[in-house]
Amino acid sequence: VQLQASGGGSVQAGGSLRLSCAAAGRTFGSYGMGWFRQAPGKEREFVAAIMWSDDSPYYGDSGKGRFTIARDNAKNTVYLQLNRLKPEDTAVYYCAASSKGVAVLPHEYDYWGQGTLVTVSS
C-alpha cells in the first residue's frame, strides 16, 4: 500500500497550492481519505477528510473556509486545494487512509503518505 503526497512548495501569503495524494496497492473504496498537517514543534492537526464513496467532505478548524478537499476515483487521487494561504499554514502536509471512514484523529488512520512541505512567507 502506498500513498504518495505531492504539490507542496513555497508561496507568499495569499497564494494557493494544490496538494495531491495518489493511492496505490489496494482498493480504498470503503476508506476515508484525510489530510493532516504538522508544523515544527506542534502536534499533527486534522485538516480535512472525504470518503471515496461519496462527495461529503469534512473539515477541521484549520481547513474551513480556505481549503477544499476533493477526490478523483478514476485516478485514485485525493486533492487538497489551499487558498489564501497564511504564514501559519506552514507545515508538512500528510495524506492518510482510514478504514473507519471520515476520521479526525491520527490514530484512526491505517496508512500514511510521506508528507509534502508547504512554506508560506509573509
C-alpha atoms as a PDB file:
ATOM      1  CA  VAL A   1       0.000   0.000   0.000  1.00  0.00           C
ATOM      2  CA  GLN A   2       1.357   3.382  -0.965  1.00  0.00           C
ATOM      3  CA  LEU A   3       0.152   6.949  -0.551  1.00  0.00           C
ATOM      4  CA  GLN A   4       2.228   9.457  -2.447  1.00  0.00           C
ATOM      5  CA  ALA A   5       1.736  13.090  -1.488  1.00  0.00           C
ATOM      6  CA  SER A   6       2.974  15.886  -3.724  1.00  0.00           C
ATOM      7  CA  GLY A   7       2.372  19.503  -4.631  1.00  0.00           C
ATOM      8  CA  GLY A   8       3.952  21.308  -1.731  1.00  0.00           C
ATOM      9  CA  GLY A   9       6.230  24.285  -2.188  1.00  0.00           C
ATOM     10  CA  SER A  10       6.987  27.830  -1.177  1.00  0.00           C
ATOM     11  CA  VAL A  11       4.460  30.586  -1.745  1.00  0.00           C
ATOM     12  CA  GLN A  12       3.789  34.075  -0.498  1.00  0.00           C
ATOM     13  CA  ALA A  13       0.897  34.847   1.785  1.00  0.00           C
ATOM     14  CA  GLY A  14      -2.348  34.987  -0.158  1.00  0.00           C
ATOM     15  CA  GLY A  15      -1.177  32.426  -2.686  1.00  0.00           C
ATOM     16  CA  SER A  16      -2.536  28.991  -3.496  1.00  0.00           C
ATOM     17  CA  LEU A  17      -1.299  25.436  -3.831  1.00  0.00           C
ATOM     18  CA  ARG A  18      -2.923  22.159  -4.759  1.00  0.00           C
ATOM     19  CA  LEU A  19      -1.726  19.075  -2.974  1.00  0.00           C
ATOM     20  CA  SER A  20      -2.243  15.623  -4.446  1.00  0.00           C
ATOM     21  CA  CYS A  21      -2.301  12.204  -2.821  1.00  0.00           C
ATOM     22  CA  ALA A  22      -2.067   9.238  -5.168  1.00  0.00           C
ATOM     23  CA  ALA A  23      -3.167   5.922  -3.680  1.00  0.00           C
ATOM     24  CA  ALA A  24      -1.950   2.547  -4.874  1.00  0.00           C
ATOM     25  CA  GLY A  25      -1.647  -1.039  -3.758  1.00  0.00           C
ATOM     26  CA  ARG A  26      -5.177  -1.818  -2.667  1.00  0.00           C
ATOM     27  CA  THR A  27      -8.812  -0.855  -3.135  1.00  0.00           C
ATOM     28  CA  PHE A  28      -9.783   2.074  -0.942  1.00  0.00           C
ATOM     29  CA  GLY A  29     -13.454   2.101  -1.852  1.00  0.00           C
ATOM     30  CA  SER A  30     -14.703   1.971   1.727  1.00  0.00           C
ATOM     31  CA  TYR A  31     -11.949   4.094   3.202  1.00  0.00           C
ATOM     32  CA  GLY A  32     -11.898   7.691   4.242  1.00  0.00           C
ATOM     33  CA  MET A  33      -9.029   9.815   2.992  1.00  0.00           C
ATOM     34  CA  GLY A  34      -7.720  12.558   5.201  1.00  0.00           C
ATOM     35  CA  TRP A  35      -5.247  15.383   5.187  1.00  0.00           C
ATOM     36  CA  PHE A  36      -3.293  16.376   8.269  1.00  0.00           C
ATOM     37  CA  ARG A  37      -0.565  18.892   8.833  1.00  0.00           C
ATOM     38  CA  GLN A  38       2.244  19.212  11.314  1.00  0.00           C
ATOM     39  CA  ALA A  39       4.183  22.380  11.991  1.00  0.00           C
ATOM     40  CA  PRO A  40       7.563  22.305  13.764  1.00  0.00           C
ATOM     41  CA  GLY A  41       7.120  21.679  17.466  1.00  0.00           C
ATOM     42  CA  LYS A  42       3.390  21.097  17.170  1.00  0.00           C
ATOM     43  CA  GLU A  43       1.123  18.070  17.118  1.00  0.00           C
ATOM     44  CA  ARG A  44      -0.313  16.653  13.948  1.00  0.00           C
ATOM     45  CA  GLU A  45      -3.521  18.526  13.135  1.00  0.00           C
ATOM     46  CA  PHE A  46      -6.575  17.345  11.211  1.00  0.00           C
ATOM     47  CA  VAL A  47      -7.328  19.439   8.126  1.00  0.00           C
ATOM     48  CA  ALA A  48      -9.955  17.645   6.031  1.00  0.00           C
ATOM     49  CA  ALA A  49     -11.310  14.246   5.033  1.00  0.00           C
ATOM     50  CA  ILE A  50     -13.529  12.688   2.397  1.00  0.00           C
ATOM     51  CA  MET A  51     -14.858   9.254   1.559  1.00  0.00           C
ATOM     52  CA  TRP A  52     -14.032   7.596  -1.748  1.00  0.00           C
ATOM     53  CA  SER A  53     -17.669   6.583  -1.955  1.00  0.00           C
ATOM     54  CA  ASP A  54     -19.388   9.968  -1.638  1.00  0.00           C
ATOM     55  CA  ASP A  55     -18.809  13.686  -2.035  1.00  0.00           C
ATOM     56  CA  SER A  56     -19.364  14.783   1.529  1.00  0.00           C
ATOM     57  CA  PRO A  57     -16.214  16.464   2.809  1.00  0.00           C
ATOM     58  CA  TYR A  58     -15.453  17.160   6.424  1.00  0.00           C
ATOM     59  CA  TYR A  59     -13.164  19.934   7.607  1.00  0.00           C
ATOM     60  CA  GLY A  60     -11.298  20.627  10.764  1.00  0.00           C
ATOM     61  CA  ASP A  61     -10.988  24.164  12.049  1.00  0.00           C
ATOM     62  CA  SER A  62      -7.742  24.640  10.139  1.00  0.00           C
ATOM     63  CA  GLY A  63      -9.357  23.677   6.850  1.00  0.00           C
ATOM     64  CA  LYS A  64     -12.664  25.510   6.960  1.00  0.00           C
ATOM     65  CA  GLY A  65     -13.229  28.356   4.558  1.00  0.00           C
ATOM     66  CA  ARG A  66      -9.926  28.389   2.645  1.00  0.00           C
ATOM     67  CA  PHE A  67      -9.193  24.758   1.856  1.00  0.00           C
ATOM     68  CA  THR A  68     -11.115  22.308  -0.316  1.00  0.00           C
ATOM     69  CA  ILE A  69     -10.762  18.534  -0.400  1.00  0.00           C
ATOM     70  CA  ALA A  70     -11.801  16.575  -3.472  1.00  0.00           C
ATOM     71  CA  ARG A  71     -11.230  13.173  -4.997  1.00  0.00           C
ATOM     72  CA  ASP A  72     -10.875  11.635  -8.435  1.00  0.00           C
ATOM     73  CA  ASN A  73     -11.798   7.972  -8.235  1.00  0.00           C
ATOM     74  CA  ALA A  74     -10.604   7.243 -11.755  1.00  0.00           C
ATOM     75  CA  LYS A  75      -7.111   8.453 -10.826  1.00  0.00           C
ATOM     76  CA  ASN A  76      -7.166   7.105  -7.254  1.00  0.00           C
ATOM     77  CA  THR A  77      -6.137  10.567  -6.173  1.00  0.00           C
ATOM     78  CA  VAL A  78      -7.303  12.913  -3.454  1.00  0.00           C
ATOM     79  CA  TYR A  79      -6.592  16.635  -3.640  1.00  0.00           C
ATOM     80  CA  LEU A  80      -6.353  19.432  -1.135  1.00  0.00           C
ATOM     81  CA  GLN A  81      -6.708  22.906  -2.606  1.00  0.00           C
ATOM     82  CA  LEU A  82      -5.106  25.517  -0.371  1.00  0.00           C
ATOM     83  CA  ASN A  83      -6.242  29.092  -0.981  1.00  0.00           C
ATOM     84  CA  ARG A  84      -5.441  32.430   0.650  1.00  0.00           C
ATOM     85  CA  LEU A  85      -2.505  30.867   2.405  1.00  0.00           C
ATOM     86  CA  LYS A  86      -1.125  32.392   5.580  1.00  0.00           C
ATOM     87  CA  PRO A  87       2.296  32.019   7.201  1.00  0.00           C
ATOM     88  CA  GLU A  88       0.672  29.959   9.955  1.00  0.00           C
ATOM     89  CA  ASP A  89      -0.277  27.372   7.331  1.00  0.00           C
ATOM     90  CA  THR A  90       3.391  26.469   7.037  1.00  0.00           C
ATOM     91  CA  ALA A  91       3.702  22.762   7.832  1.00  0.00           C
ATOM     92  CA  VAL A  92       4.311  19.330   6.429  1.00  0.00           C
ATOM     93  CA  TYR A  93       1.027  18.103   4.989  1.00  0.00           C
ATOM     94  CA  TYR A  94       0.249  14.397   5.148  1.00  0.00           C
ATOM     95  CA  CYS A  95      -2.409  12.329   3.474  1.00  0.00           C
ATOM     96  CA  ALA A  96      -3.747   9.203   5.108  1.00  0.00           C
ATOM     97  CA  ALA A  97      -6.339   6.448   4.671  1.00  0.00           C
ATOM     98  CA  SER A  98      -8.715   5.236   7.367  1.00  0.00           C
ATOM     99  CA  SER A  99     -10.794   2.065   7.391  1.00  0.00           C
ATOM    100  CA  LYS A 100     -13.062   3.894   9.856  1.00  0.00           C
ATOM    101  CA  GLY A 101     -14.244   6.298   7.180  1.00  0.00           C
ATOM    102  CA  VAL A 102     -14.106  10.015   7.837  1.00  0.00           C
ATOM    103  CA  ALA A 103     -11.919  10.195  10.927  1.00  0.00           C
ATOM    104  CA  VAL A 104     -10.278  13.143  12.648  1.00  0.00           C
ATOM    105  CA  LEU A 105      -7.678  11.545  14.901  1.00  0.00           C
ATOM    106  CA  PRO A 106      -4.296  10.382  13.600  1.00  0.00           C
ATOM    107  CA  HIS A 107      -4.506   7.012  15.344  1.00  0.00           C
ATOM    108  CA  GLU A 108      -7.688   6.235  13.407  1.00  0.00           C
ATOM    109  CA  TYR A 109      -5.724   6.133  10.164  1.00  0.00           C
ATOM    110  CA  ASP A 110      -4.184   2.937   8.841  1.00  0.00           C
ATOM    111  CA  TYR A 111      -1.916   4.213   6.082  1.00  0.00           C
ATOM    112  CA  TRP A 112       0.138   7.400   5.728  1.00  0.00           C
ATOM    113  CA  GLY A 113       1.937   9.143   2.935  1.00  0.00           C
ATOM    114  CA  GLN A 114       5.388  10.633   3.354  1.00  0.00           C
ATOM    115  CA  GLY A 115       4.307  14.266   3.632  1.00  0.00           C
ATOM    116  CA  THR A 116       4.831  17.326   1.475  1.00  0.00           C
ATOM    117  CA  LEU A 117       6.168  20.616   2.812  1.00  0.00           C
ATOM    118  CA  VAL A 118       4.220  23.843   2.420  1.00  0.00           C
ATOM    119  CA  THR A 119       6.048  27.051   3.290  1.00  0.00           C
ATOM    120  CA  VAL A 120       4.187  30.354   3.309  1.00  0.00           C
ATOM    121  CA  SER A 121       6.171  33.561   3.599  1.00  0.00           C
ATOM    122  CA  SER A 122       4.779  36.913   4.679  1.00  0.00           C
END
